[in-house]
Protein backbone atom coordinates (compact mmCIF):
# COMPACT_ATOMS: atom_id res chain seq x y z
CA MET A 1 -2.63 -17.49 -38.66
CA SER A 2 -6.76 -17.74 -37.61
CA GLN A 3 -8.54 -14.80 -38.40
CA ASN A 4 -8.34 -12.35 -35.29
CA PRO A 5 -12.15 -12.73 -33.94
CA ASN A 6 -12.55 -9.24 -32.54
CA PRO A 7 -11.51 -7.63 -36.04
CA VAL A 8 -10.25 -3.63 -34.82
CA ASN A 9 -12.97 -0.38 -36.23
CA ALA A 10 -11.02 1.73 -37.19
CA ARG A 11 -13.92 4.58 -35.46
CA ALA A 12 -13.55 2.79 -32.26
CA SER A 13 -11.87 4.32 -29.33
CA VAL A 14 -11.04 3.83 -25.92
CA SER A 15 -9.88 5.75 -23.26
CA ALA A 16 -7.47 5.08 -20.26
CA ILE A 17 -7.66 6.61 -16.86
CA PRO A 18 -5.58 6.05 -14.06
CA LEU A 19 -7.12 6.67 -11.05
CA GLY A 20 -4.38 5.76 -8.75
CA GLY A 21 -0.29 4.37 -8.96
CA LEU A 22 0.72 6.79 -11.86
CA GLY A 23 2.98 9.54 -9.67
CA GLU A 24 3.12 7.23 -6.39
CA PHE A 25 4.09 3.91 -5.15
CA GLY A 26 0.65 2.62 -3.76
CA MET A 27 -2.75 3.10 -4.81
CA ASN A 28 -2.42 1.25 -8.54
CA MET A 29 -5.95 1.41 -10.07
CA MET A 30 -6.71 1.86 -13.83
CA ALA A 31 -10.11 2.38 -15.88
CA TYR A 32 -10.12 1.42 -19.62
CA ARG A 33 -13.61 2.35 -21.11
CA SER A 34 -14.77 1.69 -24.36
CA GLY A 35 -18.38 3.08 -25.17
CA ASN A 36 -20.39 2.41 -22.14
CA ASP A 37 -18.12 -0.66 -21.03
CA ILE A 38 -15.57 0.04 -18.29
CA LEU A 39 -13.17 -2.50 -17.20
CA VAL A 40 -10.78 -1.54 -13.71
CA VAL A 41 -7.56 -3.23 -13.61
CA ASP A 42 -6.37 -3.05 -10.31
CA ALA A 43 -7.30 -1.71 -6.71
CA GLY A 44 -4.66 -1.21 -4.15
CA LEU A 45 -3.57 0.47 -1.10
CA MET A 46 -1.23 2.99 0.15
CA PHE A 47 0.42 3.28 3.29
CA PRO A 48 0.38 6.85 4.85
CA GLU A 49 2.99 9.04 5.35
CA GLU A 50 3.73 10.28 8.60
CA GLU A 51 2.30 13.70 8.22
CA LEU A 52 -1.25 11.67 7.68
CA LEU A 53 -1.78 11.85 11.77
CA GLY A 54 -3.56 8.46 13.00
CA VAL A 55 -4.51 7.77 9.17
CA ASP A 56 -4.55 3.70 8.66
CA VAL A 57 -4.50 3.04 4.84
CA VAL A 58 -4.99 5.45 2.20
CA LEU A 59 -6.79 4.36 -1.05
CA PRO A 60 -7.87 5.58 -4.79
CA ASP A 61 -10.66 8.00 -5.10
CA ILE A 62 -12.97 6.22 -6.95
CA THR A 63 -15.60 9.13 -7.54
CA TYR A 64 -15.47 8.78 -11.09
CA LEU A 65 -16.52 5.12 -11.06
CA LYS A 66 -19.48 5.94 -8.95
CA GLN A 67 -20.58 8.44 -11.23
CA ASN A 68 -20.59 6.04 -14.13
CA LEU A 69 -21.03 3.24 -12.14
CA SER A 70 -23.90 1.83 -14.65
CA MET A 71 -21.18 0.75 -17.36
CA VAL A 72 -18.18 -0.22 -14.95
CA ARG A 73 -18.25 -4.14 -15.67
CA ALA A 74 -15.73 -5.58 -13.56
CA ILE A 75 -12.95 -5.46 -11.73
CA VAL A 76 -9.36 -7.55 -13.08
CA LEU A 77 -6.83 -8.65 -10.69
CA THR A 78 -3.07 -8.76 -11.32
CA HIS A 79 -1.90 -10.06 -8.23
CA ALA A 80 -2.41 -10.46 -4.75
CA HIS A 81 0.04 -7.29 -3.82
CA GLU A 82 -1.72 -4.89 -1.27
CA ASP A 83 -1.16 -2.09 -3.87
CA HIS A 84 -3.14 -3.94 -5.96
CA ILE A 85 -5.96 -5.15 -4.36
CA GLY A 86 -5.68 -3.46 -0.85
CA ALA A 87 -8.29 -1.04 -1.23
CA LEU A 88 -11.23 -3.40 -2.64
CA PRO A 89 -12.64 -4.55 1.03
CA TYR A 90 -13.21 -0.86 1.46
CA ILE A 91 -14.73 0.17 -2.18
CA MET A 92 -16.66 -3.41 -3.54
CA PRO A 93 -19.37 -2.56 -1.51
CA GLU A 94 -19.82 0.22 -3.19
CA LEU A 95 -19.29 -1.28 -6.57
CA LYS A 96 -21.35 -4.52 -7.03
CA VAL A 97 -19.18 -6.01 -9.82
CA PRO A 98 -17.36 -9.67 -10.56
CA VAL A 99 -13.53 -9.15 -9.47
CA TYR A 100 -11.45 -11.75 -12.15
CA GLY A 101 -8.13 -12.81 -10.77
CA SER A 102 -5.74 -16.10 -10.01
CA ARG A 103 -6.23 -18.80 -7.60
CA PHE A 104 -3.89 -17.53 -5.25
CA THR A 105 -5.02 -13.72 -5.81
CA LEU A 106 -8.91 -14.73 -4.99
CA ALA A 107 -7.70 -16.56 -1.70
CA MET A 108 -6.01 -13.83 -0.49
CA LEU A 109 -8.75 -11.19 -1.35
CA ARG A 110 -11.62 -13.90 0.08
CA LYS A 111 -9.41 -13.39 3.47
CA LYS A 112 -9.97 -9.80 3.14
CA LEU A 113 -13.75 -10.05 2.66
CA THR A 114 -14.13 -12.33 4.92
CA GLU A 115 -12.71 -10.54 7.41
CA SER A 116 -14.45 -6.60 6.43
CA GLY A 117 -17.55 -8.52 6.17
CA HIS A 118 -17.90 -8.35 2.92
CA LEU A 119 -17.47 -12.13 0.95
CA ALA A 120 -20.99 -12.68 1.09
CA GLU A 121 -22.26 -10.01 -1.86
CA ALA A 122 -19.05 -11.10 -3.62
CA VAL A 123 -18.93 -12.51 -7.39
CA LEU A 124 -14.57 -13.95 -7.68
CA ARG A 125 -14.01 -15.29 -11.02
CA GLU A 126 -10.78 -17.42 -11.58
CA MET A 127 -8.51 -15.95 -14.24
CA VAL A 128 -6.16 -19.29 -16.01
CA PRO A 129 -3.22 -17.72 -18.05
CA GLY A 130 -3.89 -17.84 -21.57
CA GLU A 131 -7.35 -18.54 -21.33
CA LYS A 132 -9.63 -15.65 -22.86
CA ILE A 133 -12.17 -13.80 -20.77
CA SER A 134 -15.17 -11.16 -22.50
CA ILE A 135 -16.09 -8.97 -20.38
CA GLY A 136 -18.37 -6.08 -22.11
CA ALA A 137 -16.32 -4.62 -25.08
CA PHE A 138 -13.32 -6.36 -23.90
CA GLU A 139 -11.62 -9.30 -24.15
CA VAL A 140 -8.81 -9.88 -21.45
CA GLU A 141 -6.06 -12.81 -22.33
CA PRO A 142 -3.87 -12.93 -18.69
CA ILE A 143 -0.57 -13.70 -19.56
CA HIS A 144 2.02 -15.38 -16.61
CA VAL A 145 4.56 -13.14 -15.27
CA THR A 146 7.34 -13.74 -12.77
CA HIS A 147 7.35 -11.24 -9.28
CA SER A 148 7.87 -11.91 -5.88
CA THR A 149 4.86 -13.66 -5.47
CA VAL A 150 2.69 -16.30 -6.70
CA ASP A 151 0.41 -16.53 -9.25
CA CYS A 152 0.81 -12.99 -10.98
CA LEU A 153 -0.44 -12.10 -14.21
CA ALA A 154 0.28 -9.16 -17.35
CA LEU A 155 -3.19 -8.47 -19.52
CA ALA A 156 -3.49 -8.93 -23.15
CA ILE A 157 -6.57 -6.01 -23.00
CA ARG A 158 -8.27 -6.34 -27.13
CA THR A 159 -10.66 -3.91 -27.12
CA PRO A 160 -12.32 -2.08 -30.54
CA ALA A 161 -9.51 0.57 -31.04
CA GLY A 162 -6.55 -2.62 -30.48
CA VAL A 163 -4.88 -4.37 -28.21
CA ILE A 164 -3.34 -2.93 -25.03
CA ILE A 165 -1.00 -4.79 -22.81
CA HIS A 166 -0.97 -3.93 -19.00
CA THR A 167 1.64 -5.61 -17.34
CA GLY A 168 1.46 -5.31 -13.92
CA ASP A 169 4.20 -5.63 -11.53
CA PHE A 170 6.87 -8.39 -12.92
CA LYS A 171 10.59 -9.06 -13.41
CA MET A 172 11.72 -11.91 -16.07
CA ASP A 173 12.94 -14.52 -13.31
CA PRO A 174 14.97 -16.83 -15.67
CA THR A 175 14.81 -19.51 -13.00
CA PRO A 176 11.94 -18.75 -10.54
CA THR A 177 11.27 -20.84 -7.63
CA ASP A 178 7.99 -22.53 -8.87
CA ASN A 179 9.60 -23.47 -12.29
CA LEU A 180 7.29 -20.75 -13.97
CA PRO A 181 8.89 -18.49 -16.46
CA PHE A 182 8.19 -15.23 -17.67
CA ASP A 183 5.85 -15.72 -20.81
CA LEU A 184 8.06 -14.01 -23.34
CA HIS A 185 6.10 -15.80 -25.99
CA ALA A 186 2.87 -14.36 -25.16
CA PHE A 187 4.18 -11.14 -25.53
CA ALA A 188 6.04 -11.65 -28.49
CA ARG A 189 3.14 -13.30 -30.18
CA TYR A 190 1.22 -9.93 -28.92
CA GLY A 191 3.55 -7.81 -30.72
CA ALA A 192 4.06 -9.66 -33.99
CA GLU A 193 0.25 -8.77 -34.32
CA GLY A 194 0.30 -5.39 -32.84
CA VAL A 195 -0.09 -3.49 -30.04
CA LEU A 196 -2.50 -0.06 -29.55
CA ALA A 197 -0.69 0.46 -26.24
CA LEU A 198 1.80 -1.09 -23.53
CA PHE A 199 1.32 0.63 -19.95
CA SER A 200 4.14 -1.21 -18.40
CA ASP A 201 5.91 -1.21 -14.57
CA SER A 202 8.26 1.74 -13.49
CA THR A 203 9.13 0.47 -10.24
CA ASN A 204 12.50 0.16 -10.78
CA ALA A 205 13.24 2.35 -14.34
CA GLU A 206 16.45 3.54 -12.35
CA ARG A 207 17.77 0.78 -11.66
CA THR A 208 20.65 -0.24 -14.40
CA GLY A 209 21.42 -3.87 -15.61
CA TYR A 210 18.99 -6.86 -14.65
CA THR A 211 17.32 -7.45 -11.56
CA PRO A 212 18.43 -10.69 -10.15
CA SER A 213 17.12 -13.85 -9.72
CA GLU A 214 14.93 -15.10 -6.93
CA ARG A 215 16.77 -17.95 -6.03
CA ALA A 216 20.19 -15.65 -5.92
CA VAL A 217 19.48 -15.34 -2.69
CA ARG A 218 19.77 -18.56 -1.64
CA PRO A 219 23.14 -19.07 -1.15
CA GLN A 220 23.72 -15.70 1.27
CA LEU A 221 20.55 -16.98 3.22
CA GLU A 222 21.88 -20.58 3.66
CA ALA A 223 25.09 -19.42 4.70
CA LEU A 224 23.64 -17.41 7.90
CA VAL A 225 21.59 -20.39 8.55
CA ARG A 226 24.36 -22.62 8.59
CA GLY A 227 26.32 -20.44 10.50
CA ALA A 228 23.65 -19.64 13.39
CA PRO A 229 24.75 -20.74 16.58
CA ARG A 230 20.98 -21.07 18.05
CA ARG A 231 18.06 -19.99 16.88
CA VAL A 232 17.01 -17.91 13.24
CA ILE A 233 14.12 -16.05 12.82
CA VAL A 234 13.50 -14.77 9.48
CA SER A 235 11.24 -12.12 8.36
CA CYS A 236 9.98 -11.24 5.12
CA PHE A 237 7.03 -10.03 3.24
CA SER A 238 4.22 -12.57 4.06
CA SER A 239 2.88 -13.10 0.68
CA SER A 240 6.52 -13.81 -0.77
CA ILE A 241 5.30 -17.14 -1.50
CA HIS A 242 9.13 -17.80 -3.60
CA ARG A 243 11.03 -16.91 -0.55
CA ILE A 244 8.92 -18.82 2.30
CA GLN A 245 9.72 -22.07 -0.25
CA GLN A 246 13.42 -21.58 0.11
CA ILE A 247 13.69 -20.56 3.78
CA VAL A 248 12.22 -24.11 3.56
CA ASP A 249 13.61 -25.95 1.30
CA ILE A 250 16.97 -24.19 3.50
CA SER A 251 15.66 -25.72 7.07
CA HIS A 252 15.18 -28.87 5.56
CA SER A 253 18.35 -29.88 4.30
CA LEU A 254 20.12 -28.55 7.53
CA GLY A 255 17.92 -30.24 9.65
CA ARG A 256 16.40 -27.61 11.06
CA LYS A 257 12.08 -27.84 11.70
CA VAL A 258 10.35 -24.68 10.98
CA GLY A 259 7.54 -22.31 12.56
CA PHE A 260 5.66 -19.46 11.28
CA VAL A 261 4.54 -17.03 13.85
CA GLY A 262 2.60 -13.90 13.00
CA ARG A 263 -1.46 -13.64 11.55
CA SER A 264 -0.36 -12.55 8.11
CA MET A 265 2.35 -15.08 7.84
CA VAL A 266 0.54 -18.29 9.04
CA ASP A 267 -2.35 -17.18 7.63
CA ASN A 268 -0.50 -16.67 3.72
CA VAL A 269 1.63 -19.85 4.47
CA GLU A 270 -1.88 -21.90 4.70
CA ILE A 271 -3.53 -20.44 1.57
CA ALA A 272 -0.63 -21.03 -0.28
CA HIS A 273 -0.27 -24.91 0.50
CA SER A 274 -3.96 -25.41 0.59
CA LEU A 275 -3.15 -24.21 -3.53
CA GLY A 276 0.13 -26.77 -3.56
CA LEU A 277 1.73 -23.00 -4.52
CA ILE A 278 4.60 -23.75 -1.06
CA ARG A 279 5.89 -28.02 -0.35
CA ILE A 280 6.35 -28.26 3.33
CA PRO A 281 7.53 -32.01 4.09
CA ASP A 282 5.21 -33.39 6.32
CA GLY A 283 6.24 -33.45 10.03
CA MET A 284 8.28 -30.04 9.36
CA VAL A 285 6.11 -27.53 11.30
CA VAL A 286 6.60 -26.95 14.95
CA ARG A 287 3.62 -25.30 16.47
CA GLN A 288 3.27 -21.61 17.45
CA GLN A 289 2.66 -22.76 21.25
CA ASP A 290 5.24 -25.51 21.19
CA ILE A 291 8.69 -23.07 19.45
CA LYS A 292 9.30 -21.64 22.70
CA GLY A 293 10.62 -24.55 23.75
CA PHE A 294 12.31 -26.30 21.14
CA ASP A 295 15.68 -26.53 20.40
CA PRO A 296 17.12 -23.43 19.66
CA ARG A 297 19.74 -25.35 17.12
CA LYS A 298 17.17 -27.04 15.35
CA ILE A 299 14.94 -24.54 14.19
CA VAL A 300 14.01 -21.95 11.95
CA VAL A 301 11.20 -19.28 12.52
CA MET A 302 9.35 -17.40 9.50
CA ALA A 303 7.72 -13.96 11.09
CA SER A 304 5.95 -11.53 9.52
CA GLY A 305 6.68 -7.55 10.59
CA SER A 306 9.66 -6.77 8.21
CA GLN A 307 8.36 -3.51 7.90
CA ALA A 308 8.34 -2.87 11.56
CA GLU A 309 4.40 -2.78 12.11
CA PRO A 310 3.13 -2.17 15.14
CA MET A 311 2.24 -5.33 17.05
CA SER A 312 3.35 -7.25 14.28
CA ALA A 313 5.36 -10.07 15.27
CA LEU A 314 9.44 -9.28 14.72
CA SER A 315 8.57 -5.85 16.21
CA ARG A 316 6.88 -7.24 19.16
CA LEU A 317 9.85 -9.64 19.16
CA ALA A 318 12.42 -6.45 19.34
CA VAL A 319 10.96 -5.35 22.51
CA ASP A 320 10.16 -8.80 23.81
CA ASN A 321 6.82 -8.98 23.80
CA HIS A 322 6.00 -11.90 22.15
CA ARG A 323 3.72 -14.50 23.75
CA MET A 324 4.82 -16.60 21.76
CA LEU A 325 8.49 -16.53 21.45
CA SER A 326 11.52 -14.51 23.32
CA LEU A 327 14.84 -13.32 21.66
CA ASP A 328 17.82 -14.42 23.32
CA GLU A 329 21.62 -13.84 23.58
CA ASN A 330 23.03 -14.59 19.53
CA ASP A 331 19.73 -15.12 18.40
CA SER A 332 20.02 -14.54 14.16
CA VAL A 333 17.70 -12.20 12.60
CA ILE A 334 17.33 -12.30 8.83
CA ILE A 335 15.17 -9.63 7.68
CA SER A 336 15.09 -10.77 4.33
CA ALA A 337 13.09 -7.42 2.85
CA ARG A 338 13.24 -4.17 1.24
CA ILE A 339 12.39 -1.31 2.75
CA ILE A 340 9.30 0.20 1.98
CA PRO A 341 9.96 4.14 1.18
CA GLY A 342 8.34 5.91 4.34
CA ASN A 343 9.05 3.37 6.75
CA GLU A 344 12.68 3.81 7.29
CA LYS A 345 13.01 5.31 10.84
CA ALA A 346 10.67 2.53 12.22
CA ILE A 347 12.41 -0.28 10.95
CA SER A 348 15.73 1.45 12.04
CA ARG A 349 14.05 1.90 15.91
CA MET A 350 13.16 -2.13 15.45
CA ILE A 351 16.89 -3.32 14.01
CA ASP A 352 17.84 -0.93 16.98
CA HIS A 353 15.70 -2.72 19.93
CA LEU A 354 16.91 -6.27 18.17
CA PHE A 355 20.89 -5.19 18.68
CA ARG A 356 20.15 -4.72 21.78
CA ARG A 357 18.33 -7.97 22.96
CA ARG A 358 22.87 -9.26 21.43
CA ALA A 359 20.66 -10.54 18.57
CA LEU A 360 23.08 -11.03 15.23
CA VAL A 361 20.77 -9.15 12.89
CA TYR A 362 21.75 -9.70 8.92
CA TYR A 363 19.50 -6.96 6.75
CA GLU A 364 19.83 -5.73 3.59
CA GLN A 365 21.36 -2.37 4.35
CA GLY A 366 23.74 -3.89 6.93
CA GLY A 367 26.87 -5.45 5.11
CA SER A 368 25.62 -9.22 5.55
CA GLY A 369 25.51 -9.75 1.74
CA PRO A 370 22.17 -10.06 -0.57
CA VAL A 371 19.68 -11.44 2.16
CA HIS A 372 16.80 -9.72 -0.67
CA VAL A 373 16.17 -9.15 -4.33
CA SER A 374 13.71 -6.58 -5.94
CA GLY A 375 10.49 -7.79 -7.57
CA HIS A 376 10.30 -5.56 -10.23
CA ALA A 377 12.47 -5.55 -13.82
CA SER A 378 15.04 -3.51 -14.25
CA GLN A 379 16.47 -1.55 -16.80
CA GLU A 380 17.97 -4.29 -19.18
CA GLU A 381 14.32 -6.39 -18.78
CA LEU A 382 12.65 -3.45 -18.89
CA LYS A 383 13.80 -2.61 -22.54
CA VAL A 384 13.54 -6.49 -23.40
CA LEU A 385 10.00 -6.08 -23.08
CA LEU A 386 9.75 -3.13 -25.20
CA ASN A 387 11.68 -5.04 -28.00
CA LEU A 388 9.21 -7.60 -28.04
CA VAL A 389 5.78 -5.91 -27.58
CA ARG A 390 6.67 -3.01 -30.01
CA PRO A 391 4.00 -1.04 -29.22
CA ARG A 392 2.25 2.38 -30.89
CA TYR A 393 2.07 3.84 -27.75
CA PHE A 394 3.84 3.59 -24.83
CA ILE A 395 3.18 5.23 -21.30
CA PRO A 396 4.90 4.32 -18.13
CA MET A 397 3.07 3.48 -14.51
CA HIS A 398 3.16 2.29 -10.89
CA GLY A 399 5.97 4.51 -9.51
CA GLU A 400 6.52 8.47 -8.38
CA TYR A 401 7.17 11.10 -10.99
CA ARG A 402 10.96 10.20 -11.45
CA GLN A 403 10.33 6.86 -12.17
CA LEU A 404 8.14 7.51 -14.60
CA PHE A 405 10.12 9.96 -16.46
CA ARG A 406 12.87 7.79 -16.84
CA HIS A 407 11.33 4.69 -17.95
CA ALA A 408 10.13 7.49 -20.58
CA ALA A 409 13.83 8.04 -21.19
CA LEU A 410 14.71 4.59 -21.51
CA ALA A 411 11.37 3.58 -23.84
CA ASN A 412 13.05 6.02 -26.54
CA LEU A 413 16.44 5.07 -26.02
CA VAL A 414 15.04 1.34 -27.47
CA GLY A 415 13.24 3.28 -30.44
CA THR A 416 10.80 0.44 -31.00
CA VAL A 417 7.28 2.90 -29.72
CA SER A 418 6.59 3.19 -33.21
CA GLY A 419 4.21 6.76 -31.98
CA GLU A 420 4.20 8.27 -28.76
CA ILE A 421 5.16 8.31 -25.40
CA ILE A 422 2.93 10.19 -23.18
CA LEU A 423 4.01 10.50 -19.64
CA LEU A 424 0.65 10.90 -17.16
CA GLU A 425 -0.20 10.99 -13.69
CA ASP A 426 -3.19 10.52 -11.91
CA GLY A 427 -6.45 11.58 -13.11
CA GLN A 428 -5.16 12.49 -16.47
CA THR A 429 -6.68 10.87 -19.48
CA LEU A 430 -5.85 9.05 -22.57
CA GLU A 431 -8.80 8.49 -25.63
CA PHE A 432 -6.73 5.72 -28.37
CA THR A 433 -8.45 5.36 -31.81
CA ARG A 434 -6.45 2.86 -34.41
CA ASP A 435 -4.34 5.85 -35.56
CA SER A 436 -4.54 8.86 -32.91
CA VAL A 437 -4.44 9.22 -29.03
CA LYS A 438 -5.22 12.54 -27.52
CA ARG A 439 -5.57 13.74 -24.21
CA GLY A 440 -8.70 13.49 -22.77
CA GLU A 441 -10.72 15.51 -19.99
CA PRO A 442 -9.04 15.32 -16.66
CA VAL A 443 -11.31 13.21 -13.86
CA ALA A 444 -11.69 14.04 -10.05
CA VAL A 445 -8.62 11.92 -7.86
CA GLY A 446 -7.55 11.77 -4.42
CA ARG A 447 -6.49 10.20 -1.73
CA VAL A 448 -9.08 9.05 1.08
CA CYS A 449 -8.30 8.44 3.74
CA VAL A 450 -9.09 5.57 6.35
CA ASP A 451 -8.92 4.76 9.75
CA SER A 452 -9.06 0.80 9.46
CA GLY A 453 -10.64 0.01 12.43
CA SER A 454 -13.43 1.72 11.50
CA LEU A 455 -13.74 0.97 7.79
CA GLU A 456 -14.86 4.70 7.17
CA GLU A 457 -13.49 7.80 5.79
CA ILE A 458 -11.40 10.06 7.74
CA GLU A 459 -12.71 13.88 7.06
CA GLU A 460 -9.32 16.36 5.68
CA VAL A 461 -10.72 18.37 8.45
CA VAL A 462 -9.99 15.51 10.85
CA ILE A 463 -6.43 15.46 9.68
CA ARG A 464 -5.77 19.00 10.13
CA ASP A 465 -7.13 18.72 13.58
CA ARG A 466 -4.52 16.29 14.45
CA LYS A 467 -1.71 18.20 12.86
CA HIS A 468 -2.75 21.46 14.40
CA LEU A 469 -2.84 19.01 17.69
CA SER A 470 0.60 17.51 17.52
CA GLU A 471 2.14 20.99 16.53
CA ASP A 472 0.45 23.48 19.02
CA GLY A 473 -1.33 22.14 21.22
CA VAL A 474 -4.96 21.99 22.68
CA VAL A 475 -6.14 24.54 25.27
CA VAL A 476 -9.48 23.65 26.97
CA ALA A 477 -10.98 26.80 28.97
CA ILE A 478 -13.44 25.93 31.24
CA ILE A 479 -15.54 28.67 32.73
CA ALA A 480 -18.92 28.53 35.06
CA ILE A 481 -21.64 31.39 34.22
CA ASP A 482 -24.96 32.29 35.75
CA LYS A 483 -27.40 31.55 33.41
CA HIS A 484 -29.31 34.25 34.71
CA SER A 485 -26.79 37.26 35.51
CA GLY A 486 -24.41 36.34 32.45
CA LEU A 487 -21.61 37.08 34.97
CA ILE A 488 -18.45 34.64 35.83
CA GLU A 489 -19.07 32.54 39.17
CA ASN A 490 -15.69 31.77 39.59
CA LEU A 491 -11.98 31.95 38.18
CA PRO A 492 -11.94 29.90 34.99
CA GLU A 493 -10.26 27.01 34.98
CA ILE A 494 -7.44 26.45 32.14
CA VAL A 495 -6.81 22.63 30.97
CA THR A 496 -3.32 22.32 28.33
CA ARG A 497 -1.57 19.85 26.79
CA GLY A 498 1.41 19.82 24.81
CA PHE A 499 0.81 23.56 25.32
CA LEU A 500 3.27 24.90 27.25
CA PRO A 501 5.57 23.35 30.33
CA ALA A 502 3.66 23.91 33.46
CA GLU A 503 6.69 25.71 35.41
CA ASN A 504 6.93 29.43 32.75
CA GLY A 505 3.83 28.75 31.47
CA GLN A 506 1.86 30.13 34.57
CA ALA A 507 2.19 33.80 33.58
CA VAL A 508 0.53 33.27 30.70
CA LEU A 509 -2.14 31.20 31.46
CA ASP A 510 -2.83 33.95 34.35
CA GLY A 511 -3.24 37.10 31.41
CA ALA A 512 -5.71 34.22 29.83
CA ARG A 513 -7.60 34.26 31.94
CA ASP A 514 -8.16 37.56 32.35
CA VAL A 515 -9.15 37.94 28.88
CA ILE A 516 -12.13 35.37 29.00
CA ARG A 517 -13.12 37.18 32.25
CA ARG A 518 -13.50 40.93 30.36
CA THR A 519 -14.52 39.23 27.20
CA VAL A 520 -17.53 37.92 28.62
CA GLU A 521 -17.92 41.32 31.02
CA GLN A 522 -17.73 43.29 27.68
CA SER A 523 -20.29 41.09 26.13
CA ASN A 524 -24.09 42.60 25.69
CA PRO A 525 -27.14 41.09 27.04
CA GLU A 526 -28.03 39.89 23.66
CA GLU A 527 -24.54 37.84 22.94
CA LYS A 528 -24.95 36.59 26.74
CA LYS A 529 -28.39 35.06 25.72
CA ASP A 530 -25.95 32.50 23.54
CA TRP A 531 -23.57 30.67 24.84
CA SER A 532 -22.19 29.67 21.10
CA VAL A 533 -21.63 33.30 20.33
CA ILE A 534 -19.67 33.56 23.60
CA LYS A 535 -17.63 30.91 22.74
CA GLU A 536 -16.99 31.76 19.91
CA LYS A 537 -15.60 35.22 21.05
CA ILE A 538 -13.43 33.98 23.86
CA ARG A 539 -12.14 31.42 21.25
CA VAL A 540 -10.99 34.68 19.13
CA ASP A 541 -9.99 36.06 22.02
CA LEU A 542 -7.85 33.74 23.44
CA LYS A 543 -6.41 32.95 19.67
CA LYS A 544 -4.83 36.55 19.51
CA TYR A 545 -3.41 36.54 23.44
CA LEU A 546 -2.32 32.99 22.79
CA ASN A 547 -0.28 33.70 19.59
CA LYS A 548 0.80 37.24 20.68
CA GLN A 549 2.28 35.80 23.92
CA THR A 550 3.89 32.15 22.59
CA SER A 551 3.63 32.50 18.92
CA LYS A 552 1.92 29.38 18.73
CA ARG A 553 -1.97 28.58 17.90
CA PRO A 554 -3.17 25.80 19.61
CA LEU A 555 -6.46 24.05 19.13
CA ILE A 556 -9.06 26.19 21.94
CA LEU A 557 -12.01 24.52 23.07
CA PRO A 558 -13.67 26.87 25.11
CA VAL A 559 -16.44 25.04 27.42
CA ILE A 560 -19.41 26.90 29.45
CA LEU A 561 -21.39 25.73 32.68
CA GLU A 562 -24.47 27.34 32.89
CA VAL A 563 -24.98 27.61 37.03
C-alpha cells in the first residue's frame, strides 16, 4: 500500500458544524472546519409548512459562515436535489466561494443561477468520482453512489485529524438503470484504512429490509402503459432521470411516442440528454404544441407537478387549465413519486380533481402496485455501510429526530462503531482529534423564510402578522378629524375583512364607532397635535373593546384623514 500523502496529526482537530438537515427533512448543510479552513457540504432549501403563510422557500441561516467568511474555502455538493442545492442562488452572492459538484449537479445549478442572475460571478468546478481534490486543509475524494437522480456522490474528506465520510443521500441499488453501481469498494478501502467519523443519511432509518432497485417499478409501469385505453400521463420528480429513462424505454417498446410538459421537466430532460445521461431514440419526442392533437393511444406524456405545486403541469391538467393539453375520460394518470411531508392535502385535492375528470389514476397509496421506489437506503443497507466503513465515531444526519435516533440505535446494534455514536441537531457542534471527540460551542442556526418572487428574506414579524390576519382578520378604522379644532367631522367608517359576518356584526361596529369617538374627544390638546399618539390610543381602546365583545384579536389599523 502506498504511503498516505496526508498523515494524521495527533494534535490536529476538525470540527463538524451542522447548519441544517439534522432534525428536519431539507435544508441540508454541513460545515467542516480545521484550523482556519472551512469546507461546506451542500446548501439545500426546505419547502414551508402550512403555518409559514406566504413563504415560498425556507433556507438555513448562514450567520456562522458570514461571521467566518475569510475561512470559507468552498462549497462541495453531493447531488442535484433541491434539499441539497436549492439555497445556493440565495447564499452564493454572500459567500462568493468556488462550488464543486458532478456534471449533472453543476448543470442543474447553472440553470438556477442563470434564472436568479448570479451565474456570471459563480466559480463552478467539476468533480469526478475517484479523482481527489485539495481544498485548504482538506482533501476530498468523491465516491459514486446510487440515488433517485444521477451523478450522485458521497465524500471522503481527509482532514489533519483523520478521514470523515459524508454519504449524502444514497441507496445501494444492485441494478441501477445506468449500470453504474454503488461503489462498495471505495467505502471498504477507507474502512480498511481507518475512518474517523461517518456522517450518514437517515431518511429511511425506520424502514426495515432493503430499498428496492429502481428497476423494480418497471413491470408495474409497463403493465399500466400496456393496458391503457388512451393517453398516458406520468408524473414524477423532474430530477428523477432514471425514472424518466424507464418511461422512455417502456414507451418505445410499446410503440408510443413521448411528450414532455412542464418547464422543469423539459429543462431537466434537455440537460440530462445534452450530457448523455438519458437516451431517447431519434424521432420519438412529440413537441409540446403537437401533443394535444396527437393520437392519444400512441403517446405517453411526462408531466411535472407530482407534488401538486401550484401552476405545475399536473395541477393545471387536474382543473382543465393547461394550454397544451387536456384530460379526457379514460386517460391514465400515473403519479410515480412519493409524497413529501407537508404536501399531503394539496396532493389529495389534485387526485380528487383527476378522478372528477374521469381519469384512471394510479398512485402509491391507491392500491395500484409499486409505481414508485425510494431513493434512500433502508435498514439493511445502512447496516452494510456501517460494516464496510467501521468508523470510530458515527453521527446520523438527514432526517427528523426520530430517524436520527433510529439510525443511532441501528448503529449500536451492528456494533462496528469503535468509539461513540452521537446524536446531533442543527447548531450543535463536535470537535474531533485523532483519539477523542467533544462537544463544541453551539453556533447560531435557524430558518430564513424567503419570498422567491423577490429573493428577499421575510421578517418574522411579517409572518406573525399574516398568521394574525388569517386567524382574526383585520379592522380598518377611518376617521376624518378637523386639523384645527381636533373634532371628528363625520361618523368614523369601519372596514373589516375576515373578522365578523356583516349581518350580525353591525351592533359591534356601531359600538366600535362610539369607542373611537370617545377616545378622540377625551384626548387632551397636546395629544391631538400628534396623530401618531391618537392612532395608538384608538388602536389600544378598540382592541380592548373588540376582544371583550367577540373574543377575537383582529389586526387594527387606524387611519386619520385631516380635513
